[in-house]
């Protein structure tokens, strides 16, 4: 066996073991801690540049909250999210990106690097939060609520999981990573969220 073949086998083994460890950890993951919140307006995030970002500032608006990553197979969805933001902003939709490094280390950069990448590559102008955990120990309280207490619970399994939030701060619908931002079902959910007048 050549040294190159041994190296390839070693790298493949490490990758398989890492994926198996992640799968096993997911099977035994504890339920997220209860927050007692009734809607997303109870939570304050940290914006990309470090300031407090209370979601109560968006009371009466619809939201799309999405965990993002810069080196993922779904990273191109930034373009679709920006298009949604531009299309619906005047009607009261706010897209909020929450960069996370939880899945195979696909968001390795710091907050400044994330900001530069999103701006230069996709022209992102919607709010980006600071890099955060969206699963496992240390997850954001917002994500504990989204995945444990909202109308669409279930743990986050990968980057670009999208939650559509109504004007009342409650989850209208949830979409997996493979659902593109311009998918007809997602657009319909956004339209429903925007049509609801309740603040």
C-alpha atoms as a PDB file:
ATOM      1  CA  UNK A   1       0.000   0.000   0.000  1.00  0.00           C
ATOM      2  CA  UNK A   2       1.442   3.336  -1.015  1.00  0.00           C
ATOM      3  CA  UNK A   3       1.763   6.276   1.428  1.00  0.00           C
ATOM      4  CA  UNK A   4      -0.822   8.207  -0.615  1.00  0.00           C
ATOM      5  CA  UNK A   5      -3.331   5.371  -0.369  1.00  0.00           C
ATOM      6  CA  UNK A   6      -2.730   5.115   3.394  1.00  0.00           C
ATOM      7  CA  UNK A   7      -3.315   8.867   3.744  1.00  0.00           C
ATOM      8  CA  UNK A   8      -6.562   8.729   1.763  1.00  0.00           C
ATOM      9  CA  UNK A   9      -7.826   5.831   3.875  1.00  0.00           C
ATOM     10  CA  UNK A  10      -6.870   7.636   7.100  1.00  0.00           C
ATOM     11  CA  UNK A  11      -8.633  10.855   6.079  1.00  0.00           C
ATOM     12  CA  UNK A  12     -11.734   8.923   4.975  1.00  0.00           C
ATOM     13  CA  UNK A  13     -11.778   7.037   8.284  1.00  0.00           C
ATOM     14  CA  UNK A  14     -11.544  10.275  10.288  1.00  0.00           C
ATOM     15  CA  UNK A  15     -14.413  11.818   8.299  1.00  0.00           C
ATOM     16  CA  UNK A  16     -16.607   8.722   8.755  1.00  0.00           C
ATOM     17  CA  UNK A  17     -15.877   8.625  12.492  1.00  0.00           C
ATOM     18  CA  UNK A  18     -16.661  12.338  12.849  1.00  0.00           C
ATOM     19  CA  UNK A  19     -19.982  11.922  11.021  1.00  0.00           C
ATOM     20  CA  UNK A  20     -20.837   8.878  13.140  1.00  0.00           C
ATOM     21  CA  UNK A  21     -20.050  10.797  16.335  1.00  0.00           C
ATOM     22  CA  UNK A  22     -22.323  13.649  15.235  1.00  0.00           C
ATOM     23  CA  UNK A  23     -25.133  11.206  14.432  1.00  0.00           C
ATOM     24  CA  UNK A  24     -24.778   9.424  17.784  1.00  0.00           C
ATOM     25  CA  UNK A  25     -24.687  12.720  19.661  1.00  0.00           C
ATOM     26  CA  UNK A  26     -27.875  13.762  17.876  1.00  0.00           C
ATOM     27  CA  UNK A  27     -29.632  10.557  18.909  1.00  0.00           C
ATOM     28  CA  UNK A  28     -28.899  11.240  22.570  1.00  0.00           C
ATOM     29  CA  UNK A  29     -29.240  15.012  22.500  1.00  0.00           C
ATOM     30  CA  UNK A  30     -31.165  16.400  25.404  1.00  0.00           C
ATOM     31  CA  UNK A  31     -34.286  18.417  24.841  1.00  0.00           C
ATOM     32  CA  UNK A  32     -33.520  22.133  24.701  1.00  0.00           C
ATOM     33  CA  UNK A  33     -34.129  23.953  27.981  1.00  0.00           C
ATOM     34  CA  UNK A  34     -37.563  25.502  28.325  1.00  0.00           C
ATOM     35  CA  UNK A  35     -37.640  29.271  28.022  1.00  0.00           C
ATOM     36  CA  UNK A  36     -41.263  29.946  28.951  1.00  0.00           C
ATOM     37  CA  UNK A  37     -41.507  32.507  26.139  1.00  0.00           C
ATOM     38  CA  UNK A  38     -44.648  32.787  24.029  1.00  0.00           C
ATOM     39  CA  UNK A  39     -43.076  34.336  20.923  1.00  0.00           C
ATOM     40  CA  UNK A  40     -39.771  35.484  19.423  1.00  0.00           C
ATOM     41  CA  UNK A  41     -40.216  39.016  20.765  1.00  0.00           C
ATOM     42  CA  UNK A  42     -39.024  37.793  24.165  1.00  0.00           C
ATOM     43  CA  UNK A  43     -35.490  37.225  22.884  1.00  0.00           C
ATOM     44  CA  UNK A  44     -32.495  39.481  22.370  1.00  0.00           C
ATOM     45  CA  UNK A  45     -29.710  38.427  20.023  1.00  0.00           C
ATOM     46  CA  UNK A  46     -26.294  39.953  19.446  1.00  0.00           C
ATOM     47  CA  UNK A  47     -25.884  41.705  16.111  1.00  0.00           C
ATOM     48  CA  UNK A  48     -22.894  40.973  13.896  1.00  0.00           C
ATOM     49  CA  UNK A  49     -21.067  44.099  15.053  1.00  0.00           C
ATOM     50  CA  UNK A  50     -21.677  43.298  18.728  1.00  0.00           C
ATOM     51  CA  UNK A  51     -24.683  45.407  19.747  1.00  0.00           C
ATOM     52  CA  UNK A  52     -27.796  44.047  21.450  1.00  0.00           C
ATOM     53  CA  UNK A  53     -30.520  43.156  18.961  1.00  0.00           C
ATOM     54  CA  UNK A  54     -33.909  42.727  20.679  1.00  0.00           C
ATOM     55  CA  UNK A  55     -36.388  40.972  18.418  1.00  0.00           C
ATOM     56  CA  UNK A  56     -39.147  43.052  20.038  1.00  0.00           C
ATOM     57  CA  UNK A  57     -38.034  45.826  17.670  1.00  0.00           C
ATOM     58  CA  UNK A  58     -39.777  43.831  14.928  1.00  0.00           C
ATOM     59  CA  UNK A  59     -43.118  43.534  16.688  1.00  0.00           C
ATOM     60  CA  UNK A  60     -45.795  43.820  13.988  1.00  0.00           C
ATOM     61  CA  UNK A  61     -43.429  42.681  11.229  1.00  0.00           C
ATOM     62  CA  UNK A  62     -43.023  39.213   9.723  1.00  0.00           C
ATOM     63  CA  UNK A  63     -39.625  37.521   9.968  1.00  0.00           C
ATOM     64  CA  UNK A  64     -37.594  34.806   8.312  1.00  0.00           C
ATOM     65  CA  UNK A  65     -34.984  33.537  10.770  1.00  0.00           C
ATOM     66  CA  UNK A  66     -32.335  31.287   9.237  1.00  0.00           C
ATOM     67  CA  UNK A  67     -29.109  29.725  10.499  1.00  0.00           C
ATOM     68  CA  UNK A  68     -26.410  30.318   7.909  1.00  0.00           C
ATOM     69  CA  UNK A  69     -22.863  29.252   7.021  1.00  0.00           C
ATOM     70  CA  UNK A  70     -20.330  30.513   4.494  1.00  0.00           C
ATOM     71  CA  UNK A  71     -18.854  27.193   3.368  1.00  0.00           C
ATOM     72  CA  UNK A  72     -21.926  25.011   2.977  1.00  0.00           C
ATOM     73  CA  UNK A  73     -23.480  23.433  -0.082  1.00  0.00           C
ATOM     74  CA  UNK A  74     -26.486  25.670   0.605  1.00  0.00           C
ATOM     75  CA  UNK A  75     -24.505  28.912   0.981  1.00  0.00           C
ATOM     76  CA  UNK A  76     -25.846  30.111  -2.376  1.00  0.00           C
ATOM     77  CA  UNK A  77     -29.212  30.552  -0.642  1.00  0.00           C
ATOM     78  CA  UNK A  78     -27.881  33.855   0.679  1.00  0.00           C
ATOM     79  CA  UNK A  79     -28.762  35.245  -2.763  1.00  0.00           C
ATOM     80  CA  UNK A  80     -32.347  34.013  -2.502  1.00  0.00           C
ATOM     81  CA  UNK A  81     -32.690  35.342   1.034  1.00  0.00           C
ATOM     82  CA  UNK A  82     -31.446  38.744  -0.105  1.00  0.00           C
ATOM     83  CA  UNK A  83     -33.966  38.660  -2.958  1.00  0.00           C
ATOM     84  CA  UNK A  84     -36.766  37.857  -0.472  1.00  0.00           C
ATOM     85  CA  UNK A  85     -35.635  40.754   1.701  1.00  0.00           C
ATOM     86  CA  UNK A  86     -35.713  43.174  -1.213  1.00  0.00           C
ATOM     87  CA  UNK A  87     -39.033  41.866  -2.546  1.00  0.00           C
ATOM     88  CA  UNK A  88     -40.956  41.995   0.743  1.00  0.00           C
ATOM     89  CA  UNK A  89     -39.198  44.575   2.915  1.00  0.00           C
ATOM     90  CA  UNK A  90     -41.697  47.323   2.080  1.00  0.00           C
ATOM     91  CA  UNK A  91     -44.542  45.018   3.104  1.00  0.00           C
ATOM     92  CA  UNK A  92     -42.950  44.355   6.488  1.00  0.00           C
ATOM     93  CA  UNK A  93     -40.716  41.271   6.102  1.00  0.00           C
ATOM     94  CA  UNK A  94     -37.342  41.175   7.841  1.00  0.00           C
ATOM     95  CA  UNK A  95     -34.858  38.398   7.052  1.00  0.00           C
ATOM     96  CA  UNK A  96     -32.446  37.666   9.919  1.00  0.00           C
ATOM     97  CA  UNK A  97     -29.338  35.533   9.384  1.00  0.00           C
ATOM     98  CA  UNK A  98     -27.820  33.685  12.338  1.00  0.00           C
ATOM     99  CA  UNK A  99     -24.364  32.380  11.339  1.00  0.00           C
ATOM    100  CA  UNK A 100     -23.464  29.131  13.083  1.00  0.00           C
ATOM    101  CA  UNK A 101     -20.485  26.785  12.999  1.00  0.00           C
ATOM    102  CA  UNK A 102     -22.411  23.773  14.330  1.00  0.00           C
ATOM    103  CA  UNK A 103     -22.312  21.544  11.255  1.00  0.00           C
ATOM    104  CA  UNK A 104     -18.937  20.270  10.053  1.00  0.00           C
ATOM    105  CA  UNK A 105     -17.281  23.606  10.854  1.00  0.00           C
ATOM    106  CA  UNK A 106     -18.792  25.330   7.817  1.00  0.00           C
ATOM    107  CA  UNK A 107     -18.684  28.816   9.373  1.00  0.00           C
ATOM    108  CA  UNK A 108     -15.030  29.065  10.462  1.00  0.00           C
ATOM    109  CA  UNK A 109     -14.576  32.846  10.249  1.00  0.00           C
ATOM    110  CA  UNK A 110     -15.210  35.464  12.909  1.00  0.00           C
ATOM    111  CA  UNK A 111     -18.080  37.948  12.729  1.00  0.00           C
ATOM    112  CA  UNK A 112     -16.099  40.448  10.649  1.00  0.00           C
ATOM    113  CA  UNK A 113     -15.174  37.739   8.125  1.00  0.00           C
ATOM    114  CA  UNK A 114     -18.816  36.639   7.888  1.00  0.00           C
ATOM    115  CA  UNK A 115     -19.936  40.231   7.300  1.00  0.00           C
ATOM    116  CA  UNK A 116     -17.314  40.798   4.584  1.00  0.00           C
ATOM    117  CA  UNK A 117     -18.120  37.527   2.835  1.00  0.00           C
ATOM    118  CA  UNK A 118     -21.888  38.088   2.816  1.00  0.00           C
ATOM    119  CA  UNK A 119     -21.585  41.659   1.607  1.00  0.00           C
ATOM    120  CA  UNK A 120     -18.947  41.062  -1.073  1.00  0.00           C
ATOM    121  CA  UNK A 121     -20.301  37.757  -2.397  1.00  0.00           C
ATOM    122  CA  UNK A 122     -24.077  38.154  -2.141  1.00  0.00           C
ATOM    123  CA  UNK A 123     -24.709  41.842  -1.453  1.00  0.00           C
ATOM    124  CA  UNK A 124     -26.445  40.918   1.808  1.00  0.00           C
ATOM    125  CA  UNK A 125     -28.125  43.917   3.427  1.00  0.00           C
ATOM    126  CA  UNK A 126     -30.505  42.136   5.796  1.00  0.00           C
ATOM    127  CA  UNK A 127     -29.517  41.898   9.475  1.00  0.00           C
ATOM    128  CA  UNK A 128     -26.801  39.391  10.356  1.00  0.00           C
ATOM    129  CA  UNK A 129     -26.282  38.310  13.933  1.00  0.00           C
ATOM    130  CA  UNK A 130     -23.067  37.333  15.652  1.00  0.00           C
ATOM    131  CA  UNK A 131     -21.893  33.768  15.210  1.00  0.00           C
ATOM    132  CA  UNK A 132     -23.890  31.582  17.586  1.00  0.00           C
ATOM    133  CA  UNK A 133     -24.816  28.021  18.477  1.00  0.00           C
ATOM    134  CA  UNK A 134     -28.195  26.870  17.194  1.00  0.00           C
ATOM    135  CA  UNK A 135     -28.040  23.304  18.495  1.00  0.00           C
ATOM    136  CA  UNK A 136     -26.559  21.354  21.386  1.00  0.00           C
ATOM    137  CA  UNK A 137     -25.095  22.792  24.537  1.00  0.00           C
ATOM    138  CA  UNK A 138     -24.902  26.549  24.605  1.00  0.00           C
ATOM    139  CA  UNK A 139     -27.537  27.062  21.917  1.00  0.00           C
ATOM    140  CA  UNK A 140     -29.160  30.468  21.774  1.00  0.00           C
ATOM    141  CA  UNK A 141     -32.292  30.724  23.938  1.00  0.00           C
ATOM    142  CA  UNK A 142     -34.141  31.775  20.765  1.00  0.00           C
ATOM    143  CA  UNK A 143     -33.237  28.445  19.177  1.00  0.00           C
ATOM    144  CA  UNK A 144     -34.173  26.568  22.337  1.00  0.00           C
ATOM    145  CA  UNK A 145     -37.618  28.119  21.920  1.00  0.00           C
ATOM    146  CA  UNK A 146     -37.818  27.583  18.146  1.00  0.00           C
ATOM    147  CA  UNK A 147     -36.810  23.922  18.399  1.00  0.00           C
ATOM    148  CA  UNK A 148     -38.577  23.059  21.651  1.00  0.00           C
ATOM    149  CA  UNK A 149     -41.579  25.285  22.300  1.00  0.00           C
ATOM    150  CA  UNK A 150     -42.700  26.814  19.014  1.00  0.00           C
ATOM    151  CA  UNK A 151     -45.415  25.491  16.707  1.00  0.00           C
ATOM    152  CA  UNK A 152     -42.740  23.783  14.550  1.00  0.00           C
ATOM    153  CA  UNK A 153     -40.336  22.112  17.011  1.00  0.00           C
ATOM    154  CA  UNK A 154     -37.504  19.707  16.238  1.00  0.00           C
ATOM    155  CA  UNK A 155     -33.763  20.116  16.372  1.00  0.00           C
ATOM    156  CA  UNK A 156     -31.801  21.930  13.703  1.00  0.00           C
ATOM    157  CA  UNK A 157     -30.137  19.289  11.546  1.00  0.00           C
ATOM    158  CA  UNK A 158     -28.157  21.471   9.140  1.00  0.00           C
ATOM    159  CA  UNK A 159     -27.427  24.984   7.937  1.00  0.00           C
ATOM    160  CA  UNK A 160     -30.130  27.094   6.264  1.00  0.00           C
ATOM    161  CA  UNK A 161     -33.123  25.847   8.237  1.00  0.00           C
ATOM    162  CA  UNK A 162     -35.690  28.599   7.787  1.00  0.00           C
ATOM    163  CA  UNK A 163     -38.440  29.705  10.194  1.00  0.00           C
ATOM    164  CA  UNK A 164     -41.211  31.986   8.918  1.00  0.00           C
ATOM    165  CA  UNK A 165     -42.530  34.091  11.809  1.00  0.00           C
ATOM    166  CA  UNK A 166     -45.840  35.937  11.775  1.00  0.00           C
ATOM    167  CA  UNK A 167     -46.416  39.529  12.820  1.00  0.00           C
ATOM    168  CA  UNK A 168     -47.443  38.205  16.245  1.00  0.00           C
ATOM    169  CA  UNK A 169     -43.985  36.667  16.764  1.00  0.00           C
ATOM    170  CA  UNK A 170     -45.125  33.067  16.446  1.00  0.00           C
ATOM    171  CA  UNK A 171     -43.858  30.476  13.984  1.00  0.00           C
ATOM    172  CA  UNK A 172     -46.014  30.144  10.867  1.00  0.00           C
ATOM    173  CA  UNK A 173     -43.922  27.496   9.109  1.00  0.00           C
ATOM    174  CA  UNK A 174     -40.500  25.885   9.059  1.00  0.00           C
ATOM    175  CA  UNK A 175     -38.477  24.827   6.028  1.00  0.00           C
ATOM    176  CA  UNK A 176     -35.460  22.553   5.760  1.00  0.00           C
ATOM    177  CA  UNK A 177     -32.134  23.409   4.150  1.00  0.00           C
ATOM    178  CA  UNK A 178     -33.081  21.956   0.760  1.00  0.00           C
ATOM    179  CA  UNK A 179     -36.043  24.337   0.403  1.00  0.00           C
ATOM    180  CA  UNK A 180     -34.875  27.318  -1.615  1.00  0.00           C
ATOM    181  CA  UNK A 181     -35.990  30.778  -0.425  1.00  0.00           C
ATOM    182  CA  UNK A 182     -38.035  31.260  -3.609  1.00  0.00           C
ATOM    183  CA  UNK A 183     -39.792  27.885  -3.292  1.00  0.00           C
ATOM    184  CA  UNK A 184     -43.530  28.303  -3.841  1.00  0.00           C
ATOM    185  CA  UNK A 185     -44.446  26.793  -0.467  1.00  0.00           C
ATOM    186  CA  UNK A 186     -42.095  29.119   1.369  1.00  0.00           C
ATOM    187  CA  UNK A 187     -43.314  32.166  -0.539  1.00  0.00           C
ATOM    188  CA  UNK A 188     -46.894  31.160   0.288  1.00  0.00           C
ATOM    189  CA  UNK A 189     -46.010  30.943   3.991  1.00  0.00           C
ATOM    190  CA  UNK A 190     -44.432  34.410   3.837  1.00  0.00           C
ATOM    191  CA  UNK A 191     -47.526  35.776   2.126  1.00  0.00           C
ATOM    192  CA  UNK A 192     -49.676  34.270   4.919  1.00  0.00           C
ATOM    193  CA  UNK A 193     -47.435  35.813   7.560  1.00  0.00           C
ATOM    194  CA  UNK A 194     -47.638  39.219   5.916  1.00  0.00           C
ATOM    195  CA  UNK A 195     -51.392  39.019   5.427  1.00  0.00           C
ATOM    196  CA  UNK A 196     -52.036  38.529   9.145  1.00  0.00           C
ATOM    197  CA  UNK A 197     -52.653  42.038  10.531  1.00  0.00           C
ATOM    198  CA  UNK A 198     -52.244  41.087  14.192  1.00  0.00           C
ATOM    199  CA  UNK A 199     -49.312  42.925  15.786  1.00  0.00           C
END
